[in-house]
Amino acid sequence: MNETTVPTCTANEACYVGLDMSLTSTGFFSQRGNMVTMETIKTTPKTCENDLMRLKYVVNEVMHRIPKDVAMICIEDFFTPSNPFQIGAAMGLIMLGTVMRLALYEAGYPFFIIAPGQIKKFATGKGTGQKSIVVREVYKRWNFDVKDDNQADACVLAHIAKALCVPDPQRPQYQQDVVRAVLANRPRYNIKQNQTEGAK
């Protein structure tokens, strides 16, 4: 588990969370003002006694880290396998992602589902590219020295979560395009209308 915390926030600052779900290495990133938490929640087939317990473990670890007053959560959508050898990994991610979404929904947390290409575009200006480029851009743009690409994606997702709630005309046009596309086309859950009206 990797964690970085900068404890310099005020109690009334909003918290934004990004989740990059994975059975092996789930990326978790939360930010409230200047307080930041970055973690990679790792498991292996030997971590738990069976696959269902493994799903439960990862979801419980994530839910334990989300503050009750979280303003917005963004979670990466499922990926489409490009070859038959990725089908098993995709199925595991679908199972984990579905259980995670249900847990967030039942807890009443507000969240959006973000396409993988939207994560890359928000970070780099392009919807394609290597994961290493996202890691580099996270450091250049937000000065976060993430430990792996899972934390990098989670970091970008948390920044998208904030952008969905807090309008800022100084954001690059491609980031504003991502926000508009998410609000127009992506699923939204447990969200009051006025939470995202200002970001349109």
N, C-alpha and C. Protein backbone atom coordinates (compact mmCIF):
# COMPACT_ATOMS: atom_id res chain seq x y z
N MET A 1 0.85 -1.19 0.00
CA MET A 1 0.00 0.00 0.00
C MET A 1 0.88 1.24 0.00
N ASN A 2 0.61 2.16 -0.93
CA ASN A 2 1.37 3.40 -1.00
C ASN A 2 0.46 4.55 -0.60
N GLU A 3 0.92 5.45 0.25
CA GLU A 3 0.07 6.53 0.72
C GLU A 3 0.88 7.81 0.91
N THR A 4 0.31 8.91 0.48
CA THR A 4 0.90 10.22 0.70
C THR A 4 -0.18 11.11 1.26
N THR A 5 0.06 11.74 2.40
CA THR A 5 -0.93 12.62 3.01
C THR A 5 -0.28 13.95 3.35
N VAL A 6 -0.94 15.03 2.94
CA VAL A 6 -0.48 16.37 3.26
C VAL A 6 -1.55 17.03 4.13
N PRO A 7 -1.43 17.01 5.45
CA PRO A 7 -2.51 17.42 6.36
C PRO A 7 -2.60 18.93 6.57
N THR A 8 -3.04 19.66 5.53
CA THR A 8 -3.18 21.11 5.68
C THR A 8 -4.49 21.59 5.05
N CYS A 9 -5.62 21.03 5.46
CA CYS A 9 -6.90 21.45 4.91
C CYS A 9 -7.81 21.96 6.02
N THR A 10 -8.85 22.68 5.62
CA THR A 10 -9.86 23.12 6.57
C THR A 10 -11.05 22.19 6.52
N ALA A 11 -11.80 22.14 7.59
CA ALA A 11 -12.87 21.15 7.73
C ALA A 11 -13.98 21.32 6.70
N ASN A 12 -14.19 22.55 6.21
CA ASN A 12 -15.33 22.77 5.32
C ASN A 12 -14.96 22.70 3.84
N GLU A 13 -13.75 22.26 3.50
CA GLU A 13 -13.39 22.11 2.11
C GLU A 13 -13.94 20.80 1.56
N ALA A 14 -14.40 20.84 0.32
CA ALA A 14 -15.01 19.66 -0.29
C ALA A 14 -13.97 18.59 -0.60
N CYS A 15 -14.42 17.34 -0.58
CA CYS A 15 -13.54 16.21 -0.87
C CYS A 15 -13.95 15.58 -2.20
N TYR A 16 -12.96 15.28 -3.03
CA TYR A 16 -13.19 14.63 -4.32
C TYR A 16 -12.35 13.36 -4.40
N VAL A 17 -12.96 12.30 -4.95
CA VAL A 17 -12.33 10.98 -4.94
C VAL A 17 -12.30 10.40 -6.35
N GLY A 18 -11.18 9.77 -6.71
CA GLY A 18 -11.05 9.04 -7.96
C GLY A 18 -10.73 7.58 -7.69
N LEU A 19 -11.38 6.68 -8.44
CA LEU A 19 -11.20 5.25 -8.25
C LEU A 19 -10.84 4.58 -9.57
N ASP A 20 -9.68 3.94 -9.61
CA ASP A 20 -9.26 3.13 -10.76
C ASP A 20 -9.30 1.68 -10.30
N MET A 21 -10.41 1.01 -10.58
CA MET A 21 -10.66 -0.32 -10.01
C MET A 21 -9.85 -1.40 -10.72
N SER A 22 -9.30 -2.30 -9.91
CA SER A 22 -8.54 -3.44 -10.41
C SER A 22 -8.49 -4.50 -9.33
N LEU A 23 -8.58 -5.76 -9.73
CA LEU A 23 -8.47 -6.83 -8.75
C LEU A 23 -7.06 -6.92 -8.18
N THR A 24 -6.07 -6.58 -8.97
CA THR A 24 -4.70 -6.69 -8.50
C THR A 24 -4.19 -5.41 -7.85
N SER A 25 -4.56 -4.25 -8.42
CA SER A 25 -4.00 -2.98 -7.93
C SER A 25 -5.02 -1.86 -8.15
N THR A 26 -5.90 -1.66 -7.20
CA THR A 26 -6.88 -0.58 -7.29
C THR A 26 -6.24 0.74 -6.89
N GLY A 27 -6.36 1.73 -7.76
CA GLY A 27 -5.85 3.06 -7.44
C GLY A 27 -6.90 3.88 -6.73
N PHE A 28 -6.51 4.49 -5.60
CA PHE A 28 -7.41 5.35 -4.82
C PHE A 28 -6.74 6.70 -4.64
N PHE A 29 -7.50 7.76 -4.93
CA PHE A 29 -6.99 9.12 -4.75
C PHE A 29 -8.11 9.98 -4.20
N SER A 30 -7.82 10.69 -3.10
CA SER A 30 -8.79 11.63 -2.56
C SER A 30 -8.08 12.94 -2.24
N GLN A 31 -8.81 14.03 -2.41
CA GLN A 31 -8.24 15.34 -2.12
C GLN A 31 -9.29 16.23 -1.48
N ARG A 32 -8.89 16.85 -0.37
CA ARG A 32 -9.72 17.85 0.31
C ARG A 32 -8.81 19.04 0.59
N GLY A 33 -8.96 20.09 -0.23
CA GLY A 33 -8.03 21.21 -0.11
C GLY A 33 -6.62 20.74 -0.40
N ASN A 34 -5.71 20.93 0.54
CA ASN A 34 -4.33 20.50 0.37
C ASN A 34 -4.05 19.12 0.96
N MET A 35 -5.08 18.48 1.49
CA MET A 35 -4.90 17.14 2.03
C MET A 35 -5.16 16.11 0.94
N VAL A 36 -4.16 15.31 0.68
CA VAL A 36 -4.23 14.34 -0.40
C VAL A 36 -3.89 12.95 0.12
N THR A 37 -4.65 11.95 -0.33
CA THR A 37 -4.33 10.56 -0.03
C THR A 37 -4.24 9.79 -1.34
N MET A 38 -3.12 9.13 -1.56
CA MET A 38 -2.90 8.29 -2.73
C MET A 38 -2.53 6.89 -2.25
N GLU A 39 -3.26 5.91 -2.76
CA GLU A 39 -2.98 4.54 -2.36
C GLU A 39 -3.18 3.57 -3.51
N THR A 40 -2.50 2.44 -3.42
CA THR A 40 -2.76 1.32 -4.31
C THR A 40 -3.16 0.13 -3.44
N ILE A 41 -4.39 -0.31 -3.61
CA ILE A 41 -4.92 -1.43 -2.83
C ILE A 41 -4.66 -2.72 -3.61
N LYS A 42 -3.75 -3.55 -3.11
CA LYS A 42 -3.30 -4.72 -3.87
C LYS A 42 -3.87 -6.02 -3.31
N THR A 43 -4.18 -6.93 -4.24
CA THR A 43 -4.58 -8.28 -3.86
C THR A 43 -4.01 -9.27 -4.88
N THR A 44 -3.99 -10.54 -4.49
CA THR A 44 -3.65 -11.64 -5.39
C THR A 44 -4.70 -12.73 -5.17
N PRO A 45 -4.74 -13.73 -6.03
CA PRO A 45 -5.68 -14.83 -5.79
C PRO A 45 -5.50 -15.49 -4.43
N LYS A 46 -4.31 -15.36 -3.83
CA LYS A 46 -4.06 -15.97 -2.53
C LYS A 46 -4.45 -15.06 -1.36
N THR A 47 -4.79 -13.81 -1.65
CA THR A 47 -5.13 -12.87 -0.58
C THR A 47 -6.38 -13.30 0.16
N CYS A 48 -7.36 -13.82 -0.58
CA CYS A 48 -8.65 -14.22 0.00
C CYS A 48 -8.94 -15.66 -0.38
N GLU A 49 -9.87 -16.26 0.34
CA GLU A 49 -10.13 -17.69 0.16
C GLU A 49 -10.84 -18.02 -1.15
N ASN A 50 -11.56 -17.06 -1.73
CA ASN A 50 -12.20 -17.29 -3.02
C ASN A 50 -12.42 -15.96 -3.73
N ASP A 51 -12.92 -16.03 -4.97
CA ASP A 51 -13.05 -14.82 -5.79
C ASP A 51 -14.08 -13.85 -5.22
N LEU A 52 -15.15 -14.35 -4.62
CA LEU A 52 -16.16 -13.45 -4.07
C LEU A 52 -15.62 -12.70 -2.85
N MET A 53 -14.84 -13.38 -2.02
CA MET A 53 -14.23 -12.71 -0.88
C MET A 53 -13.21 -11.67 -1.33
N ARG A 54 -12.58 -11.94 -2.46
CA ARG A 54 -11.62 -10.98 -3.00
C ARG A 54 -12.34 -9.71 -3.46
N LEU A 55 -13.47 -9.87 -4.15
CA LEU A 55 -14.27 -8.72 -4.55
C LEU A 55 -14.71 -7.92 -3.33
N LYS A 56 -15.19 -8.63 -2.33
CA LYS A 56 -15.67 -7.98 -1.12
C LYS A 56 -14.55 -7.23 -0.41
N TYR A 57 -13.37 -7.83 -0.37
CA TYR A 57 -12.23 -7.20 0.29
C TYR A 57 -11.88 -5.86 -0.37
N VAL A 58 -11.75 -5.87 -1.70
CA VAL A 58 -11.37 -4.64 -2.40
C VAL A 58 -12.43 -3.56 -2.19
N VAL A 59 -13.69 -3.92 -2.35
CA VAL A 59 -14.77 -2.93 -2.19
C VAL A 59 -14.79 -2.38 -0.76
N ASN A 60 -14.65 -3.25 0.21
CA ASN A 60 -14.65 -2.80 1.61
C ASN A 60 -13.48 -1.86 1.89
N GLU A 61 -12.30 -2.17 1.33
CA GLU A 61 -11.14 -1.31 1.52
C GLU A 61 -11.39 0.08 0.92
N VAL A 62 -12.01 0.12 -0.25
CA VAL A 62 -12.32 1.40 -0.88
C VAL A 62 -13.35 2.17 -0.06
N MET A 63 -14.44 1.50 0.30
CA MET A 63 -15.51 2.18 1.03
C MET A 63 -15.02 2.72 2.37
N HIS A 64 -14.09 2.02 2.99
CA HIS A 64 -13.53 2.45 4.28
C HIS A 64 -12.77 3.78 4.14
N ARG A 65 -12.26 4.04 2.95
CA ARG A 65 -11.44 5.24 2.73
C ARG A 65 -12.23 6.46 2.27
N ILE A 66 -13.46 6.27 1.85
CA ILE A 66 -14.26 7.39 1.33
C ILE A 66 -14.93 8.12 2.49
N PRO A 67 -14.69 9.42 2.62
CA PRO A 67 -15.34 10.18 3.71
C PRO A 67 -16.84 10.30 3.45
N LYS A 68 -17.62 10.35 4.53
CA LYS A 68 -19.07 10.39 4.41
C LYS A 68 -19.55 11.64 3.69
N ASP A 69 -18.79 12.73 3.77
CA ASP A 69 -19.21 13.98 3.16
C ASP A 69 -18.58 14.21 1.79
N VAL A 70 -18.15 13.16 1.12
CA VAL A 70 -17.51 13.30 -0.18
C VAL A 70 -18.43 14.07 -1.13
N ALA A 71 -17.85 15.02 -1.87
CA ALA A 71 -18.64 15.86 -2.78
C ALA A 71 -18.91 15.15 -4.10
N MET A 72 -17.93 14.42 -4.60
CA MET A 72 -18.10 13.70 -5.86
C MET A 72 -17.04 12.63 -6.00
N ILE A 73 -17.43 11.51 -6.61
CA ILE A 73 -16.53 10.40 -6.92
C ILE A 73 -16.58 10.14 -8.41
N CYS A 74 -15.45 9.87 -9.01
CA CYS A 74 -15.41 9.41 -10.39
C CYS A 74 -14.73 8.05 -10.43
N ILE A 75 -15.33 7.13 -11.16
CA ILE A 75 -14.81 5.77 -11.27
C ILE A 75 -14.65 5.43 -12.74
N GLU A 76 -13.53 4.80 -13.08
CA GLU A 76 -13.27 4.47 -14.49
C GLU A 76 -14.23 3.39 -14.97
N ASP A 77 -14.69 3.55 -16.20
CA ASP A 77 -15.58 2.58 -16.82
C ASP A 77 -14.79 1.33 -17.22
N PHE A 78 -15.51 0.28 -17.60
CA PHE A 78 -14.88 -0.97 -18.03
C PHE A 78 -14.17 -0.76 -19.37
N PHE A 79 -13.14 -1.56 -19.61
CA PHE A 79 -12.46 -1.48 -20.89
C PHE A 79 -12.95 -2.60 -21.80
N THR A 80 -12.83 -2.39 -23.11
CA THR A 80 -13.21 -3.40 -24.10
C THR A 80 -11.97 -4.17 -24.51
N PRO A 81 -11.93 -5.49 -24.28
CA PRO A 81 -10.72 -6.25 -24.60
C PRO A 81 -10.43 -6.23 -26.09
N SER A 82 -9.15 -6.07 -26.43
CA SER A 82 -8.74 -6.01 -27.82
C SER A 82 -8.33 -7.37 -28.38
N ASN A 83 -8.15 -8.34 -27.50
CA ASN A 83 -7.84 -9.70 -27.96
C ASN A 83 -8.40 -10.70 -26.96
N PRO A 84 -8.57 -11.96 -27.39
CA PRO A 84 -9.19 -12.97 -26.53
C PRO A 84 -8.47 -13.19 -25.20
N PHE A 85 -7.18 -12.92 -25.15
CA PHE A 85 -6.43 -13.15 -23.92
C PHE A 85 -6.79 -12.14 -22.82
N GLN A 86 -7.47 -11.07 -23.19
CA GLN A 86 -7.87 -10.06 -22.22
C GLN A 86 -9.29 -10.26 -21.69
N ILE A 87 -9.99 -11.25 -22.24
CA ILE A 87 -11.40 -11.44 -21.85
C ILE A 87 -11.53 -11.76 -20.37
N GLY A 88 -10.65 -12.63 -19.86
CA GLY A 88 -10.72 -13.00 -18.45
C GLY A 88 -10.52 -11.79 -17.55
N ALA A 89 -9.54 -10.96 -17.87
CA ALA A 89 -9.27 -9.76 -17.08
C ALA A 89 -10.45 -8.80 -17.15
N ALA A 90 -11.04 -8.68 -18.34
CA ALA A 90 -12.18 -7.79 -18.51
C ALA A 90 -13.38 -8.26 -17.68
N MET A 91 -13.61 -9.56 -17.64
CA MET A 91 -14.72 -10.11 -16.86
C MET A 91 -14.52 -9.86 -15.38
N GLY A 92 -13.28 -10.03 -14.89
CA GLY A 92 -12.99 -9.76 -13.49
C GLY A 92 -13.21 -8.31 -13.15
N LEU A 93 -12.81 -7.41 -14.05
CA LEU A 93 -13.00 -5.99 -13.82
C LEU A 93 -14.47 -5.62 -13.84
N ILE A 94 -15.24 -6.25 -14.72
CA ILE A 94 -16.69 -5.99 -14.77
C ILE A 94 -17.34 -6.40 -13.46
N MET A 95 -16.96 -7.56 -12.94
CA MET A 95 -17.52 -8.01 -11.67
C MET A 95 -17.18 -7.04 -10.54
N LEU A 96 -15.91 -6.68 -10.46
CA LEU A 96 -15.47 -5.77 -9.40
C LEU A 96 -16.13 -4.41 -9.55
N GLY A 97 -16.13 -3.89 -10.78
CA GLY A 97 -16.72 -2.57 -11.01
C GLY A 97 -18.20 -2.53 -10.70
N THR A 98 -18.91 -3.61 -11.01
CA THR A 98 -20.35 -3.65 -10.73
C THR A 98 -20.61 -3.66 -9.23
N VAL A 99 -19.87 -4.48 -8.50
CA VAL A 99 -20.04 -4.54 -7.05
C VAL A 99 -19.69 -3.18 -6.42
N MET A 100 -18.63 -2.55 -6.94
CA MET A 100 -18.23 -1.24 -6.42
C MET A 100 -19.31 -0.19 -6.67
N ARG A 101 -19.88 -0.19 -7.85
CA ARG A 101 -20.94 0.78 -8.16
C ARG A 101 -22.16 0.58 -7.26
N LEU A 102 -22.51 -0.67 -7.04
CA LEU A 102 -23.65 -0.94 -6.17
C LEU A 102 -23.39 -0.47 -4.75
N ALA A 103 -22.15 -0.67 -4.28
CA ALA A 103 -21.81 -0.22 -2.92
C ALA A 103 -21.90 1.29 -2.82
N LEU A 104 -21.39 2.00 -3.83
CA LEU A 104 -21.46 3.46 -3.83
C LEU A 104 -22.92 3.93 -3.90
N TYR A 105 -23.69 3.27 -4.73
CA TYR A 105 -25.09 3.65 -4.90
C TYR A 105 -25.88 3.44 -3.61
N GLU A 106 -25.68 2.30 -2.99
CA GLU A 106 -26.40 1.99 -1.75
C GLU A 106 -25.99 2.90 -0.61
N ALA A 107 -24.74 3.37 -0.64
CA ALA A 107 -24.26 4.30 0.39
C ALA A 107 -24.76 5.72 0.15
N GLY A 108 -25.31 5.97 -1.03
CA GLY A 108 -25.82 7.30 -1.35
C GLY A 108 -24.75 8.28 -1.80
N TYR A 109 -23.58 7.77 -2.18
CA TYR A 109 -22.50 8.65 -2.62
C TYR A 109 -22.74 9.11 -4.06
N PRO A 110 -22.46 10.37 -4.37
CA PRO A 110 -22.61 10.85 -5.74
C PRO A 110 -21.42 10.40 -6.59
N PHE A 111 -21.69 9.85 -7.77
CA PHE A 111 -20.58 9.43 -8.61
C PHE A 111 -20.94 9.42 -10.09
N PHE A 112 -19.92 9.58 -10.90
CA PHE A 112 -20.01 9.50 -12.35
C PHE A 112 -19.11 8.36 -12.83
N ILE A 113 -19.51 7.77 -13.97
CA ILE A 113 -18.68 6.78 -14.64
C ILE A 113 -17.92 7.48 -15.77
N ILE A 114 -16.60 7.30 -15.81
CA ILE A 114 -15.77 8.02 -16.77
C ILE A 114 -15.10 7.03 -17.73
N ALA A 115 -15.21 7.29 -19.01
CA ALA A 115 -14.59 6.42 -20.02
C ALA A 115 -13.07 6.52 -19.96
N PRO A 116 -12.36 5.43 -20.24
CA PRO A 116 -10.89 5.47 -20.22
C PRO A 116 -10.31 6.58 -21.11
N GLY A 117 -10.89 6.78 -22.29
CA GLY A 117 -10.39 7.82 -23.18
C GLY A 117 -10.58 9.21 -22.62
N GLN A 118 -11.64 9.40 -21.82
CA GLN A 118 -11.87 10.70 -21.20
C GLN A 118 -10.83 11.00 -20.13
N ILE A 119 -10.37 9.97 -19.45
CA ILE A 119 -9.30 10.14 -18.45
C ILE A 119 -8.03 10.63 -19.15
N LYS A 120 -7.65 9.94 -20.23
CA LYS A 120 -6.44 10.32 -20.96
C LYS A 120 -6.57 11.74 -21.53
N LYS A 121 -7.73 12.07 -22.08
CA LYS A 121 -7.90 13.39 -22.68
C LYS A 121 -7.82 14.49 -21.63
N PHE A 122 -8.43 14.28 -20.47
CA PHE A 122 -8.40 15.29 -19.41
C PHE A 122 -6.98 15.54 -18.94
N ALA A 123 -6.15 14.48 -18.93
CA ALA A 123 -4.78 14.62 -18.44
C ALA A 123 -3.82 15.11 -19.51
N THR A 124 -4.01 14.66 -20.76
CA THR A 124 -3.00 14.90 -21.79
C THR A 124 -3.48 15.74 -22.97
N GLY A 125 -4.79 15.90 -23.10
CA GLY A 125 -5.33 16.60 -24.26
C GLY A 125 -5.71 15.67 -25.39
N LYS A 126 -5.34 14.38 -25.27
CA LYS A 126 -5.67 13.38 -26.28
C LYS A 126 -6.33 12.18 -25.61
N GLY A 127 -7.25 11.54 -26.34
CA GLY A 127 -7.98 10.41 -25.78
C GLY A 127 -7.27 9.09 -25.90
N THR A 128 -6.05 9.10 -26.41
CA THR A 128 -5.26 7.87 -26.54
C THR A 128 -3.85 8.13 -26.03
N GLY A 129 -3.11 7.06 -25.84
CA GLY A 129 -1.73 7.21 -25.39
C GLY A 129 -1.36 6.19 -24.34
N GLN A 130 -0.07 6.06 -24.09
CA GLN A 130 0.44 5.11 -23.11
C GLN A 130 0.14 5.59 -21.68
N LYS A 131 0.01 4.62 -20.78
CA LYS A 131 -0.24 4.97 -19.37
C LYS A 131 0.89 5.81 -18.79
N SER A 132 2.11 5.59 -19.28
CA SER A 132 3.26 6.34 -18.77
C SER A 132 3.11 7.84 -19.04
N ILE A 133 2.40 8.18 -20.13
CA ILE A 133 2.19 9.59 -20.44
C ILE A 133 1.27 10.23 -19.42
N VAL A 134 0.25 9.48 -18.98
CA VAL A 134 -0.65 9.99 -17.95
C VAL A 134 0.11 10.21 -16.65
N VAL A 135 0.98 9.27 -16.29
CA VAL A 135 1.79 9.41 -15.08
C VAL A 135 2.64 10.67 -15.17
N ARG A 136 3.25 10.89 -16.31
CA ARG A 136 4.08 12.09 -16.50
C ARG A 136 3.26 13.36 -16.38
N GLU A 137 2.08 13.37 -17.01
CA GLU A 137 1.25 14.57 -16.99
C GLU A 137 0.70 14.87 -15.60
N VAL A 138 0.42 13.83 -14.83
CA VAL A 138 -0.04 14.03 -13.45
C VAL A 138 1.03 14.76 -12.65
N TYR A 139 2.28 14.40 -12.88
CA TYR A 139 3.37 15.08 -12.17
C TYR A 139 3.55 16.51 -12.67
N LYS A 140 3.53 16.70 -13.99
CA LYS A 140 3.75 18.02 -14.56
C LYS A 140 2.61 18.98 -14.23
N ARG A 141 1.37 18.49 -14.32
CA ARG A 141 0.20 19.36 -14.19
C ARG A 141 -0.16 19.62 -12.73
N TRP A 142 -0.13 18.57 -11.90
CA TRP A 142 -0.61 18.69 -10.53
C TRP A 142 0.47 18.45 -9.48
N ASN A 143 1.68 18.11 -9.92
CA ASN A 143 2.82 17.94 -9.02
C ASN A 143 2.63 16.79 -8.04
N PHE A 144 1.98 15.72 -8.50
CA PHE A 144 1.82 14.53 -7.67
C PHE A 144 2.75 13.43 -8.19
N ASP A 145 3.63 12.96 -7.33
CA ASP A 145 4.57 11.90 -7.68
C ASP A 145 3.92 10.56 -7.38
N VAL A 146 3.03 10.12 -8.26
CA VAL A 146 2.30 8.88 -8.04
C VAL A 146 3.23 7.68 -8.16
N LYS A 147 2.86 6.59 -7.50
CA LYS A 147 3.71 5.40 -7.46
C LYS A 147 3.49 4.47 -8.64
N ASP A 148 2.34 4.57 -9.31
CA ASP A 148 2.05 3.69 -10.44
C ASP A 148 0.93 4.29 -11.27
N ASP A 149 0.61 3.65 -12.40
CA ASP A 149 -0.41 4.18 -13.29
C ASP A 149 -1.81 4.08 -12.70
N ASN A 150 -2.01 3.19 -11.74
CA ASN A 150 -3.31 3.09 -11.08
C ASN A 150 -3.59 4.35 -10.27
N GLN A 151 -2.59 4.79 -9.51
CA GLN A 151 -2.73 6.03 -8.77
C GLN A 151 -2.86 7.23 -9.71
N ALA A 152 -2.15 7.18 -10.83
CA ALA A 152 -2.22 8.27 -11.80
C ALA A 152 -3.64 8.43 -12.35
N ASP A 153 -4.24 7.33 -12.77
CA ASP A 153 -5.61 7.38 -13.28
C ASP A 153 -6.58 7.85 -12.20
N ALA A 154 -6.38 7.36 -10.98
CA ALA A 154 -7.25 7.76 -9.87
C ALA A 154 -7.12 9.25 -9.60
N CYS A 155 -5.90 9.78 -9.73
CA CYS A 155 -5.67 11.21 -9.54
C CYS A 155 -6.43 12.03 -10.58
N VAL A 156 -6.33 11.61 -11.84
CA VAL A 156 -7.06 12.32 -12.90
C VAL A 156 -8.55 12.24 -12.65
N LEU A 157 -9.04 11.09 -12.24
CA LEU A 157 -10.47 10.93 -11.96
C LEU A 157 -10.94 11.86 -10.85
N ALA A 158 -10.12 12.03 -9.82
CA ALA A 158 -10.48 12.95 -8.74
C ALA A 158 -10.55 14.39 -9.25
N HIS A 159 -9.65 14.75 -10.15
CA HIS A 159 -9.68 16.10 -10.71
C HIS A 159 -10.88 16.28 -11.64
N ILE A 160 -11.28 15.23 -12.34
CA ILE A 160 -12.51 15.30 -13.12
C ILE A 160 -13.70 15.48 -12.19
N ALA A 161 -13.69 14.77 -11.06
CA ALA A 161 -14.78 14.90 -10.08
C ALA A 161 -14.93 16.34 -9.63
N LYS A 162 -13.81 16.99 -9.36
CA LYS A 162 -13.87 18.39 -8.95
C LYS A 162 -14.36 19.28 -10.08
N ALA A 163 -13.88 19.01 -11.29
CA ALA A 163 -14.28 19.82 -12.45
C ALA A 163 -15.77 19.70 -12.72
N LEU A 164 -16.36 18.55 -12.40
CA LEU A 164 -17.79 18.37 -12.59
C LEU A 164 -18.61 19.21 -11.63
N CYS A 165 -18.01 19.58 -10.52
CA CYS A 165 -18.71 20.33 -9.48
C CYS A 165 -18.34 21.81 -9.45
N VAL A 166 -17.10 22.12 -9.81
CA VAL A 166 -16.59 23.48 -9.65
C VAL A 166 -16.15 24.02 -11.01
N PRO A 167 -16.92 24.92 -11.60
CA PRO A 167 -16.53 25.49 -12.90
C PRO A 167 -15.29 26.37 -12.78
N ASP A 168 -14.45 26.32 -13.80
CA ASP A 168 -13.24 27.13 -13.82
C ASP A 168 -12.90 27.46 -15.27
N PRO A 169 -13.14 28.71 -15.70
CA PRO A 169 -12.86 29.07 -17.10
C PRO A 169 -11.39 29.00 -17.46
N GLN A 170 -10.52 28.87 -16.46
CA GLN A 170 -9.08 28.78 -16.73
C GLN A 170 -8.65 27.37 -17.11
N ARG A 171 -9.53 26.40 -16.98
CA ARG A 171 -9.17 25.04 -17.39
C ARG A 171 -8.96 25.00 -18.90
N PRO A 172 -8.02 24.18 -19.36
CA PRO A 172 -7.83 24.03 -20.81
C PRO A 172 -9.13 23.62 -21.50
N GLN A 173 -9.27 23.99 -22.74
CA GLN A 173 -10.50 23.70 -23.48
C GLN A 173 -10.78 22.20 -23.53
N TYR A 174 -9.73 21.38 -23.69
CA TYR A 174 -9.96 19.94 -23.78
C TYR A 174 -10.49 19.37 -22.47
N GLN A 175 -10.12 19.95 -21.33
CA GLN A 175 -10.70 19.51 -20.07
C GLN A 175 -12.16 19.92 -19.96
N GLN A 176 -12.47 21.13 -20.41
CA GLN A 176 -13.86 21.57 -20.41
C GLN A 176 -14.70 20.71 -21.35
N ASP A 177 -14.11 20.28 -22.46
CA ASP A 177 -14.82 19.39 -23.38
C ASP A 177 -15.15 18.06 -22.71
N VAL A 178 -14.21 17.54 -21.93
CA VAL A 178 -14.46 16.28 -21.21
C VAL A 178 -15.61 16.46 -20.22
N VAL A 179 -15.59 17.56 -19.48
CA VAL A 179 -16.66 17.81 -18.50
C VAL A 179 -18.01 17.87 -19.19
N ARG A 180 -18.10 18.59 -20.30
CA ARG A 180 -19.37 18.69 -21.01
C ARG A 180 -19.84 17.33 -21.52
N ALA A 181 -18.89 16.55 -22.03
CA ALA A 181 -19.25 15.23 -22.56
C ALA A 181 -19.73 14.30 -21.45
N VAL A 182 -19.07 14.35 -20.31
CA VAL A 182 -19.49 13.52 -19.18
C VAL A 182 -20.89 13.90 -18.73
N LEU A 183 -21.12 15.18 -18.56
CA LEU A 183 -22.43 15.64 -18.10
C LEU A 183 -23.54 15.31 -19.10
N ALA A 184 -23.20 15.31 -20.38
CA ALA A 184 -24.21 15.08 -21.42
C ALA A 184 -24.46 13.61 -21.70
N ASN A 185 -23.41 12.79 -21.59
CA ASN A 185 -23.52 11.43 -22.13
C ASN A 185 -23.24 10.29 -21.17
N ARG A 186 -22.62 10.57 -20.03
CA ARG A 186 -22.25 9.48 -19.13
C ARG A 186 -23.26 9.30 -18.02
N PRO A 187 -23.38 8.07 -17.49
CA PRO A 187 -24.33 7.86 -16.39
C PRO A 187 -23.99 8.68 -15.16
N ARG A 188 -25.02 9.13 -14.46
CA ARG A 188 -24.81 9.85 -13.20
C ARG A 188 -25.70 9.20 -12.14
N TYR A 189 -25.20 9.12 -10.95
CA TYR A 189 -25.92 8.41 -9.88
C TYR A 189 -25.88 9.20 -8.58
N ASN A 190 -26.98 9.15 -7.84
CA ASN A 190 -27.07 9.79 -6.52
C ASN A 190 -26.64 11.25 -6.56
N ILE A 191 -27.07 11.95 -7.58
CA ILE A 191 -26.63 13.33 -7.76
C ILE A 191 -27.83 14.26 -7.78
N LYS A 192 -27.80 15.27 -6.91
CA LYS A 192 -28.80 16.31 -6.94
C LYS A 192 -28.49 17.23 -8.12
N GLN A 193 -29.54 17.74 -8.77
CA GLN A 193 -29.35 18.51 -9.98
C GLN A 193 -28.42 19.70 -9.79
N ASN A 194 -28.55 20.39 -8.66
CA ASN A 194 -27.76 21.61 -8.48
C ASN A 194 -26.28 21.35 -8.23
N GLN A 195 -25.91 20.07 -8.00
CA GLN A 195 -24.50 19.78 -7.77
C GLN A 195 -23.65 19.96 -9.02
N THR A 196 -24.27 19.80 -10.20
CA THR A 196 -23.49 19.85 -11.43
C THR A 196 -23.95 20.93 -12.39
N GLU A 197 -24.97 21.70 -12.03
CA GLU A 197 -25.45 22.72 -12.94
C GLU A 197 -24.38 23.76 -13.26
N GLY A 198 -23.56 24.13 -12.27
CA GLY A 198 -22.56 25.18 -12.46
C GLY A 198 -21.42 24.77 -13.36
N ALA A 199 -21.21 23.46 -13.53
CA ALA A 199 -20.07 23.00 -14.32
C ALA A 199 -20.38 22.91 -15.80
N LYS A 200 -21.65 23.08 -16.17
CA LYS A 200 -22.02 22.92 -17.58
C LYS A 200 -21.51 24.08 -18.41
